[in-house]
Amino acid sequence: KAYSYMAEQTGSNAKFLYAWPPFLLASKNVLGKDYRILSETLCSPQIDEAKAFEALAQLAVLLRLLSSQPHDLVPHITTANLHPHAAFEATEMYHASKEAKDLDGLIKKVTEIYSLRPEVMQVVVVPLFASFPSYDFFLFHRDGRNWKPASGYQCKLGDELPDKKHTALTNVGLSVWIGGSCRKYRVEAGTRVPQTEKYGWVLMGADRQVDMLGVSISEALPHHTASLSIPPCKLCDAENSLQDRRNGVNAESKRLKTS
């Protein structure tokens, strides 16, 4: 308990919640498994902030899998949902060598590594190839003798959004966009929504992202300010109406002053 602290990034949750340092959560003594690259990255986040951000998201997904805490943006394999012990044994993390330069290369590597470990059913896969296209890491599920990408994740430090050039792959079951400057909410058909979709990617609002990542990870994210080159958040219909009224009042005020 001496390592915990009062959390601030808790979305709209009014409860007093406590966070734990990510480097502690990623340690072998707490996590129960030794993932050295993950742990070292979180112990020295100042070396590469972007990689540390990715490691935080990887840790959040890994913690949900190991402890069998289901979430619709972190798909658990059915056979690993029986009880926490089964989920722990069924889950692994793998950093694929730089030779794996695309999704097929990752699948080949995972198939080779876990061919003699049938108890492993779900793997957080991190490509080490620096120019790996579009995704920062994946969650693979075992499907008989094969492996399939159940979900893939992209982590962006700022408030950049996906474009057509970086459309999500159709053979990845679920593609999730995680933002360092996550917008408070998303807008769909003029209405505020907790999440929406763009070019195949799930875009979350702030509360939704906290819900997925958990309080401790959300508290540790590098919350960058929005880029001035990025358009402001899309307004919902109610906000557009309010803005129109304000503009009308301001215009009338200026007209009266000049008349």
C-alpha atoms as a PDB file:
ATOM      1  CA  LYS A   1       0.000   0.000   0.000  1.00  0.00           C
ATOM      2  CA  ALA A   2       2.934   2.349   0.526  1.00  0.00           C
ATOM      3  CA  TYR A   3       3.385   2.545  -3.262  1.00  0.00           C
ATOM      4  CA  SER A   4      -0.213   3.484  -4.089  1.00  0.00           C
ATOM      5  CA  TYR A   5      -1.384   7.092  -4.532  1.00  0.00           C
ATOM      6  CA  MET A   6      -4.596   9.000  -5.119  1.00  0.00           C
ATOM      7  CA  ALA A   7      -5.575   8.884  -8.786  1.00  0.00           C
ATOM      8  CA  GLU A   8      -6.662  11.970 -10.712  1.00  0.00           C
ATOM      9  CA  GLN A   9      -7.337  10.542 -14.198  1.00  0.00           C
ATOM     10  CA  THR A  10     -10.526   8.673 -13.309  1.00  0.00           C
ATOM     11  CA  GLY A  11     -12.841  10.035 -15.977  1.00  0.00           C
ATOM     12  CA  SER A  12     -16.198  11.117 -14.536  1.00  0.00           C
ATOM     13  CA  ASN A  13     -15.957   8.601 -11.688  1.00  0.00           C
ATOM     14  CA  ALA A  14     -16.432  10.552  -8.451  1.00  0.00           C
ATOM     15  CA  LYS A  15     -15.057   7.821  -6.165  1.00  0.00           C
ATOM     16  CA  PHE A  16     -11.698   8.109  -4.441  1.00  0.00           C
ATOM     17  CA  LEU A  17      -9.549   5.660  -6.392  1.00  0.00           C
ATOM     18  CA  TYR A  18      -5.931   4.673  -5.917  1.00  0.00           C
ATOM     19  CA  ALA A  19      -3.323   3.974  -8.584  1.00  0.00           C
ATOM     20  CA  TRP A  20      -0.203   1.817  -8.562  1.00  0.00           C
ATOM     21  CA  PRO A  21       3.061   2.665 -10.379  1.00  0.00           C
ATOM     22  CA  PRO A  22       3.190   0.711 -13.678  1.00  0.00           C
ATOM     23  CA  PHE A  23       6.813  -0.374 -13.159  1.00  0.00           C
ATOM     24  CA  LEU A  24       5.633  -2.116  -9.987  1.00  0.00           C
ATOM     25  CA  LEU A  25       2.673  -3.792 -11.714  1.00  0.00           C
ATOM     26  CA  ALA A  26       5.019  -5.056 -14.461  1.00  0.00           C
ATOM     27  CA  SER A  27       7.510  -6.575 -12.035  1.00  0.00           C
ATOM     28  CA  LYS A  28       7.755 -10.353 -11.764  1.00  0.00           C
ATOM     29  CA  ASN A  29       6.761 -10.272  -8.095  1.00  0.00           C
ATOM     30  CA  VAL A  30       3.428  -8.624  -8.905  1.00  0.00           C
ATOM     31  CA  LEU A  31       2.694  -9.767 -12.454  1.00  0.00           C
ATOM     32  CA  GLY A  32       3.746 -13.337 -11.730  1.00  0.00           C
ATOM     33  CA  LYS A  33       5.699 -13.641 -14.984  1.00  0.00           C
ATOM     34  CA  ASP A  34       9.006 -12.154 -16.072  1.00  0.00           C
ATOM     35  CA  TYR A  35       8.685  -9.919 -19.148  1.00  0.00           C
ATOM     36  CA  ARG A  36      12.002  -8.110 -19.039  1.00  0.00           C
ATOM     37  CA  ILE A  37      11.572  -5.801 -22.044  1.00  0.00           C
ATOM     38  CA  LEU A  38       8.215  -4.590 -20.742  1.00  0.00           C
ATOM     39  CA  SER A  39       9.549  -4.064 -17.223  1.00  0.00           C
ATOM     40  CA  GLU A  40      12.716  -2.256 -18.323  1.00  0.00           C
ATOM     41  CA  THR A  41      10.766   0.089 -20.599  1.00  0.00           C
ATOM     42  CA  LEU A  42       8.429   1.068 -17.772  1.00  0.00           C
ATOM     43  CA  CYS A  43      11.303   1.504 -15.314  1.00  0.00           C
ATOM     44  CA  SER A  44      12.989   4.053 -17.621  1.00  0.00           C
ATOM     45  CA  PRO A  45      10.148   5.775 -19.522  1.00  0.00           C
ATOM     46  CA  GLN A  46      12.214   8.921 -20.110  1.00  0.00           C
ATOM     47  CA  ILE A  47      14.469   7.070 -22.584  1.00  0.00           C
ATOM     48  CA  ASP A  48      11.703   6.694 -25.172  1.00  0.00           C
ATOM     49  CA  GLU A  49       8.351   8.220 -24.236  1.00  0.00           C
ATOM     50  CA  ALA A  50       6.532   6.739 -27.235  1.00  0.00           C
ATOM     51  CA  LYS A  51       7.718   3.211 -26.406  1.00  0.00           C
ATOM     52  CA  ALA A  52       6.826   3.734 -22.750  1.00  0.00           C
ATOM     53  CA  PHE A  53       3.308   4.735 -23.825  1.00  0.00           C
ATOM     54  CA  GLU A  54       3.016   1.555 -25.876  1.00  0.00           C
ATOM     55  CA  ALA A  55       4.308  -0.483 -22.921  1.00  0.00           C
ATOM     56  CA  LEU A  56       1.610   1.001 -20.676  1.00  0.00           C
ATOM     57  CA  ALA A  57      -1.120  -0.075 -23.101  1.00  0.00           C
ATOM     58  CA  GLN A  58       0.472  -3.531 -23.437  1.00  0.00           C
ATOM     59  CA  LEU A  59       0.534  -3.877 -19.655  1.00  0.00           C
ATOM     60  CA  ALA A  60      -3.142  -2.926 -19.407  1.00  0.00           C
ATOM     61  CA  VAL A  61      -4.149  -5.582 -21.939  1.00  0.00           C
ATOM     62  CA  LEU A  62      -1.848  -8.161 -20.342  1.00  0.00           C
ATOM     63  CA  LEU A  63      -3.251  -7.544 -16.846  1.00  0.00           C
ATOM     64  CA  ARG A  64      -6.805  -8.067 -18.090  1.00  0.00           C
ATOM     65  CA  LEU A  65      -5.850 -11.343 -19.764  1.00  0.00           C
ATOM     66  CA  LEU A  66      -3.805 -12.735 -16.869  1.00  0.00           C
ATOM     67  CA  SER A  67      -6.475 -11.950 -14.280  1.00  0.00           C
ATOM     68  CA  SER A  68      -9.431 -12.868 -16.520  1.00  0.00           C
ATOM     69  CA  GLN A  69     -11.050  -9.424 -16.364  1.00  0.00           C
ATOM     70  CA  PRO A  70     -13.163  -9.323 -19.534  1.00  0.00           C
ATOM     71  CA  HIS A  71     -13.621  -6.200 -21.635  1.00  0.00           C
ATOM     72  CA  ASP A  72     -15.118  -5.951 -25.102  1.00  0.00           C
ATOM     73  CA  LEU A  73     -11.994  -4.164 -26.420  1.00  0.00           C
ATOM     74  CA  VAL A  74      -9.686  -6.859 -24.997  1.00  0.00           C
ATOM     75  CA  PRO A  75     -11.152 -10.119 -26.330  1.00  0.00           C
ATOM     76  CA  HIS A  76     -10.451 -13.157 -24.148  1.00  0.00           C
ATOM     77  CA  ILE A  77     -10.310 -16.580 -25.712  1.00  0.00           C
ATOM     78  CA  THR A  78     -13.288 -18.640 -24.583  1.00  0.00           C
ATOM     79  CA  THR A  79     -11.331 -21.488 -22.970  1.00  0.00           C
ATOM     80  CA  ALA A  80      -9.363 -18.983 -20.861  1.00  0.00           C
ATOM     81  CA  ASN A  81     -12.520 -17.564 -19.263  1.00  0.00           C
ATOM     82  CA  LEU A  82     -13.093 -20.540 -16.968  1.00  0.00           C
ATOM     83  CA  HIS A  83     -11.257 -19.217 -13.901  1.00  0.00           C
ATOM     84  CA  PRO A  84      -8.315 -16.873 -13.149  1.00  0.00           C
ATOM     85  CA  HIS A  85      -5.772 -19.701 -12.829  1.00  0.00           C
ATOM     86  CA  ALA A  86      -6.641 -21.054 -16.283  1.00  0.00           C
ATOM     87  CA  ALA A  87      -6.374 -17.559 -17.765  1.00  0.00           C
ATOM     88  CA  PHE A  88      -2.966 -17.025 -16.148  1.00  0.00           C
ATOM     89  CA  GLU A  89      -1.579 -20.255 -17.594  1.00  0.00           C
ATOM     90  CA  ALA A  90      -3.130 -19.577 -21.004  1.00  0.00           C
ATOM     91  CA  THR A  91      -1.637 -16.079 -21.384  1.00  0.00           C
ATOM     92  CA  GLU A  92       1.827 -15.037 -22.567  1.00  0.00           C
ATOM     93  CA  MET A  93       3.645 -12.024 -23.978  1.00  0.00           C
ATOM     94  CA  TYR A  94       6.050 -12.253 -26.909  1.00  0.00           C
ATOM     95  CA  HIS A  95       8.361  -9.656 -28.438  1.00  0.00           C
ATOM     96  CA  ALA A  96       8.858 -10.742 -32.044  1.00  0.00           C
ATOM     97  CA  SER A  97      12.274 -10.235 -33.638  1.00  0.00           C
ATOM     98  CA  LYS A  98      12.903  -7.590 -36.285  1.00  0.00           C
ATOM     99  CA  GLU A  99      12.675 -10.253 -39.007  1.00  0.00           C
ATOM    100  CA  ALA A 100       8.879 -10.248 -38.578  1.00  0.00           C
ATOM    101  CA  LYS A 101       8.021  -7.236 -40.750  1.00  0.00           C
ATOM    102  CA  ASP A 102       4.304  -7.800 -41.288  1.00  0.00           C
ATOM    103  CA  LEU A 103       1.317  -9.603 -39.790  1.00  0.00           C
ATOM    104  CA  ASP A 104       2.047 -12.880 -41.608  1.00  0.00           C
ATOM    105  CA  GLY A 105       5.600 -12.775 -40.235  1.00  0.00           C
ATOM    106  CA  LEU A 106       4.265 -12.349 -36.686  1.00  0.00           C
ATOM    107  CA  ILE A 107       1.840 -15.248 -37.078  1.00  0.00           C
ATOM    108  CA  LYS A 108       4.680 -17.457 -38.334  1.00  0.00           C
ATOM    109  CA  LYS A 109       6.882 -16.548 -35.346  1.00  0.00           C
ATOM    110  CA  VAL A 110       4.136 -17.145 -32.772  1.00  0.00           C
ATOM    111  CA  THR A 111       3.232 -20.474 -34.400  1.00  0.00           C
ATOM    112  CA  GLU A 112       6.855 -21.620 -34.141  1.00  0.00           C
ATOM    113  CA  ILE A 113       7.414 -20.428 -30.557  1.00  0.00           C
ATOM    114  CA  TYR A 114       4.251 -21.912 -29.050  1.00  0.00           C
ATOM    115  CA  SER A 115       3.890 -25.084 -31.139  1.00  0.00           C
ATOM    116  CA  LEU A 116       5.005 -27.212 -28.171  1.00  0.00           C
ATOM    117  CA  ARG A 117       3.101 -25.251 -25.532  1.00  0.00           C
ATOM    118  CA  PRO A 118      -0.567 -26.151 -26.069  1.00  0.00           C
ATOM    119  CA  GLU A 119      -1.579 -24.581 -22.739  1.00  0.00           C
ATOM    120  CA  VAL A 120      -0.849 -21.113 -24.169  1.00  0.00           C
ATOM    121  CA  MET A 121      -4.018 -19.854 -25.842  1.00  0.00           C
ATOM    122  CA  GLN A 122      -3.655 -16.060 -26.016  1.00  0.00           C
ATOM    123  CA  VAL A 123      -0.517 -13.997 -26.610  1.00  0.00           C
ATOM    124  CA  VAL A 124       0.205 -10.273 -26.514  1.00  0.00           C
ATOM    125  CA  VAL A 125       2.508  -9.903 -29.534  1.00  0.00           C
ATOM    126  CA  VAL A 126       4.834  -6.911 -29.849  1.00  0.00           C
ATOM    127  CA  PRO A 127       6.724  -6.454 -33.145  1.00  0.00           C
ATOM    128  CA  LEU A 128      10.263  -5.112 -32.691  1.00  0.00           C
ATOM    129  CA  PHE A 129      10.562  -4.118 -36.359  1.00  0.00           C
ATOM    130  CA  ALA A 130      10.684  -0.295 -36.169  1.00  0.00           C
ATOM    131  CA  SER A 131       8.652   0.293 -39.339  1.00  0.00           C
ATOM    132  CA  PHE A 132       5.912  -2.239 -38.651  1.00  0.00           C
ATOM    133  CA  PRO A 133       2.816  -0.936 -40.492  1.00  0.00           C
ATOM    134  CA  SER A 134      -0.067   0.738 -38.623  1.00  0.00           C
ATOM    135  CA  TYR A 135      -0.107  -1.316 -35.410  1.00  0.00           C
ATOM    136  CA  ASP A 136       2.017  -1.180 -32.237  1.00  0.00           C
ATOM    137  CA  PHE A 137       0.981  -4.565 -30.818  1.00  0.00           C
ATOM    138  CA  PHE A 138      -1.576  -7.347 -31.174  1.00  0.00           C
ATOM    139  CA  LEU A 139      -3.499  -9.932 -29.202  1.00  0.00           C
ATOM    140  CA  PHE A 140      -3.350 -13.362 -30.865  1.00  0.00           C
ATOM    141  CA  HIS A 141      -5.722 -16.250 -30.117  1.00  0.00           C
ATOM    142  CA  ARG A 142      -4.942 -19.896 -30.765  1.00  0.00           C
ATOM    143  CA  ASP A 143      -7.313 -21.433 -33.290  1.00  0.00           C
ATOM    144  CA  GLY A 144      -6.537 -25.163 -33.421  1.00  0.00           C
ATOM    145  CA  ARG A 145      -3.030 -25.390 -34.873  1.00  0.00           C
ATOM    146  CA  ASN A 146      -3.194 -21.835 -36.165  1.00  0.00           C
ATOM    147  CA  TRP A 147      -3.118 -18.375 -34.636  1.00  0.00           C
ATOM    148  CA  LYS A 148      -5.356 -15.435 -35.513  1.00  0.00           C
ATOM    149  CA  PRO A 149      -5.108 -11.722 -34.619  1.00  0.00           C
ATOM    150  CA  ALA A 150      -8.107 -11.172 -32.343  1.00  0.00           C
ATOM    151  CA  SER A 151      -7.250  -7.504 -31.837  1.00  0.00           C
ATOM    152  CA  GLY A 152      -4.612  -4.911 -32.679  1.00  0.00           C
ATOM    153  CA  TYR A 153      -3.722  -1.626 -31.000  1.00  0.00           C
ATOM    154  CA  GLN A 154      -2.191   1.676 -32.078  1.00  0.00           C
ATOM    155  CA  CYS A 155      -0.887   4.169 -29.500  1.00  0.00           C
ATOM    156  CA  LYS A 156      -0.565   7.871 -30.346  1.00  0.00           C
ATOM    157  CA  LEU A 157       0.984  10.348 -27.915  1.00  0.00           C
ATOM    158  CA  GLY A 158      -1.034  13.323 -29.144  1.00  0.00           C
ATOM    159  CA  ASP A 159      -4.549  13.663 -30.566  1.00  0.00           C
ATOM    160  CA  GLU A 160      -3.793  12.395 -34.065  1.00  0.00           C
ATOM    161  CA  LEU A 161      -6.602  10.393 -35.651  1.00  0.00           C
ATOM    162  CA  PRO A 162      -6.421   7.576 -38.235  1.00  0.00           C
ATOM    163  CA  ASP A 163      -6.534   8.483 -41.922  1.00  0.00           C
ATOM    164  CA  LYS A 164      -7.346   6.529 -45.054  1.00  0.00           C
ATOM    165  CA  LYS A 165      -3.677   5.669 -45.572  1.00  0.00           C
ATOM    166  CA  HIS A 166      -3.678   3.843 -42.224  1.00  0.00           C
ATOM    167  CA  THR A 167      -6.992   2.005 -42.525  1.00  0.00           C
ATOM    168  CA  ALA A 168      -7.312  -0.939 -40.134  1.00  0.00           C
ATOM    169  CA  LEU A 169      -6.595  -4.402 -41.542  1.00  0.00           C
ATOM    170  CA  THR A 170      -9.693  -6.453 -42.292  1.00  0.00           C
ATOM    171  CA  ASN A 171      -8.074  -9.666 -41.049  1.00  0.00           C
ATOM    172  CA  VAL A 172      -7.575  -8.206 -37.560  1.00  0.00           C
ATOM    173  CA  GLY A 173     -10.662  -8.958 -35.504  1.00  0.00           C
ATOM    174  CA  LEU A 174     -10.740  -5.614 -33.664  1.00  0.00           C
ATOM    175  CA  SER A 175      -8.573  -2.518 -34.132  1.00  0.00           C
ATOM    176  CA  VAL A 176      -8.336  -0.075 -31.206  1.00  0.00           C
ATOM    177  CA  TRP A 177      -6.840   3.448 -31.276  1.00  0.00           C
ATOM    178  CA  ILE A 178      -5.388   4.642 -27.938  1.00  0.00           C
ATOM    179  CA  GLY A 179      -4.698   8.366 -27.535  1.00  0.00           C
ATOM    180  CA  GLY A 180      -2.349  10.196 -25.187  1.00  0.00           C
ATOM    181  CA  SER A 181      -4.590  13.245 -25.611  1.00  0.00           C
ATOM    182  CA  CYS A 182      -7.807  11.256 -25.732  1.00  0.00           C
ATOM    183  CA  ARG A 183     -10.785  13.482 -26.496  1.00  0.00           C
ATOM    184  CA  LYS A 184     -13.406  13.826 -23.775  1.00  0.00           C
ATOM    185  CA  TYR A 185     -16.065  12.206 -25.938  1.00  0.00           C
ATOM    186  CA  ARG A 186     -16.766  11.228 -29.551  1.00  0.00           C
ATOM    187  CA  VAL A 187     -19.546  12.494 -31.808  1.00  0.00           C
ATOM    188  CA  GLU A 188     -21.668  10.330 -34.070  1.00  0.00           C
ATOM    189  CA  ALA A 189     -24.681  11.664 -36.006  1.00  0.00           C
ATOM    190  CA  GLY A 190     -24.571  14.832 -33.899  1.00  0.00           C
ATOM    191  CA  THR A 191     -24.732  12.966 -30.585  1.00  0.00           C
ATOM    192  CA  ARG A 192     -22.097  12.366 -27.915  1.00  0.00           C
ATOM    193  CA  VAL A 193     -21.058   8.703 -27.765  1.00  0.00           C
ATOM    194  CA  PRO A 194     -18.438   6.863 -25.643  1.00  0.00           C
ATOM    195  CA  GLN A 195     -16.774   5.478 -28.757  1.00  0.00           C
ATOM    196  CA  THR A 196     -17.059   5.596 -32.525  1.00  0.00           C
ATOM    197  CA  GLU A 197     -15.247   4.139 -35.537  1.00  0.00           C
ATOM    198  CA  LYS A 198     -13.064   5.668 -38.244  1.00  0.00           C
ATOM    199  CA  TYR A 199     -11.338   3.787 -41.063  1.00  0.00           C
ATOM    200  CA  GLY A 200     -11.916   0.536 -39.186  1.00  0.00           C
ATOM    201  CA  TRP A 201     -10.448   1.801 -35.883  1.00  0.00           C
ATOM    202  CA  VAL A 202     -12.377   2.074 -32.626  1.00  0.00           C
ATOM    203  CA  LEU A 203     -11.937   5.607 -31.237  1.00  0.00           C
ATOM    204  CA  MET A 204     -12.679   5.967 -27.531  1.00  0.00           C
ATOM    205  CA  GLY A 205     -13.769   8.928 -25.444  1.00  0.00           C
ATOM    206  CA  ALA A 206     -11.826   9.641 -22.241  1.00  0.00           C
ATOM    207  CA  ASP A 207     -14.116   7.729 -19.853  1.00  0.00           C
ATOM    208  CA  ARG A 208     -14.218   4.737 -22.178  1.00  0.00           C
ATOM    209  CA  GLN A 209     -10.416   4.678 -22.415  1.00  0.00           C
ATOM    210  CA  VAL A 210     -10.035   4.840 -18.627  1.00  0.00           C
ATOM    211  CA  ASP A 211     -12.501   1.959 -18.369  1.00  0.00           C
ATOM    212  CA  MET A 212     -10.475  -0.170 -20.776  1.00  0.00           C
ATOM    213  CA  LEU A 213      -6.981   0.631 -19.497  1.00  0.00           C
ATOM    214  CA  GLY A 214      -7.796   0.791 -15.799  1.00  0.00           C
ATOM    215  CA  VAL A 215      -7.079   3.580 -13.325  1.00  0.00           C
ATOM    216  CA  SER A 216      -3.384   2.883 -12.692  1.00  0.00           C
ATOM    217  CA  ILE A 217      -2.445   2.790 -16.382  1.00  0.00           C
ATOM    218  CA  SER A 218      -4.640   5.773 -17.277  1.00  0.00           C
ATOM    219  CA  GLU A 219      -3.047   7.796 -14.484  1.00  0.00           C
ATOM    220  CA  ALA A 220       0.422   7.107 -15.917  1.00  0.00           C
ATOM    221  CA  LEU A 221      -0.346   7.981 -19.557  1.00  0.00           C
ATOM    222  CA  PRO A 222       1.583  10.955 -20.982  1.00  0.00           C
ATOM    223  CA  HIS A 223      -1.333  13.377 -21.346  1.00  0.00           C
ATOM    224  CA  HIS A 224      -0.074  15.634 -24.110  1.00  0.00           C
ATOM    225  CA  THR A 225      -1.842  18.849 -25.000  1.00  0.00           C
ATOM    226  CA  ALA A 226      -3.701  18.899 -28.304  1.00  0.00           C
ATOM    227  CA  SER A 227      -1.697  19.849 -31.375  1.00  0.00           C
ATOM    228  CA  LEU A 228      -2.488  23.282 -32.828  1.00  0.00           C
ATOM    229  CA  SER A 229      -2.426  21.769 -36.326  1.00  0.00           C
ATOM    230  CA  ILE A 230      -5.232  19.336 -35.483  1.00  0.00           C
ATOM    231  CA  PRO A 231      -8.843  20.547 -35.928  1.00  0.00           C
ATOM    232  CA  PRO A 232     -10.737  21.036 -32.624  1.00  0.00           C
ATOM    233  CA  CYS A 233     -13.012  18.306 -31.298  1.00  0.00           C
ATOM    234  CA  LYS A 234     -16.179  17.832 -33.293  1.00  0.00           C
ATOM    235  CA  LEU A 235     -19.137  19.375 -31.458  1.00  0.00           C
ATOM    236  CA  CYS A 236     -22.409  17.592 -30.803  1.00  0.00           C
ATOM    237  CA  ASP A 237     -25.717  19.133 -31.959  1.00  0.00           C
ATOM    238  CA  ALA A 238     -26.429  20.731 -28.560  1.00  0.00           C
ATOM    239  CA  GLU A 239     -23.018  22.423 -28.503  1.00  0.00           C
ATOM    240  CA  ASN A 240     -23.407  23.598 -32.107  1.00  0.00           C
ATOM    241  CA  SER A 241     -26.763  25.164 -31.193  1.00  0.00           C
ATOM    242  CA  LEU A 242     -25.237  26.899 -28.158  1.00  0.00           C
ATOM    243  CA  GLN A 243     -22.321  28.143 -30.261  1.00  0.00           C
ATOM    244  CA  ASP A 244     -24.715  29.544 -32.873  1.00  0.00           C
ATOM    245  CA  ARG A 245     -26.665  31.422 -30.184  1.00  0.00           C
ATOM    246  CA  ARG A 246     -23.473  32.857 -28.716  1.00  0.00           C
ATOM    247  CA  ASN A 247     -22.286  33.967 -32.143  1.00  0.00           C
ATOM    248  CA  GLY A 248     -25.670  35.584 -32.777  1.00  0.00           C
ATOM    249  CA  VAL A 249     -25.558  37.490 -29.471  1.00  0.00           C
ATOM    250  CA  ASN A 250     -22.000  38.657 -30.145  1.00  0.00           C
ATOM    251  CA  ALA A 251     -22.901  39.805 -33.661  1.00  0.00           C
ATOM    252  CA  GLU A 252     -25.925  41.742 -32.366  1.00  0.00           C
ATOM    253  CA  SER A 253     -23.831  43.344 -29.629  1.00  0.00           C
ATOM    254  CA  LYS A 254     -21.248  44.537 -32.153  1.00  0.00           C
ATOM    255  CA  ARG A 255     -23.993  45.882 -34.447  1.00  0.00           C
ATOM    256  CA  LEU A 256     -25.523  47.934 -31.635  1.00  0.00           C
ATOM    257  CA  LYS A 257     -22.135  49.376 -30.651  1.00  0.00           C
ATOM    258  CA  THR A 258     -21.440  50.562 -34.207  1.00  0.00           C
ATOM    259  CA  SER A 259     -24.921  51.938 -34.901  1.00  0.00           C
END
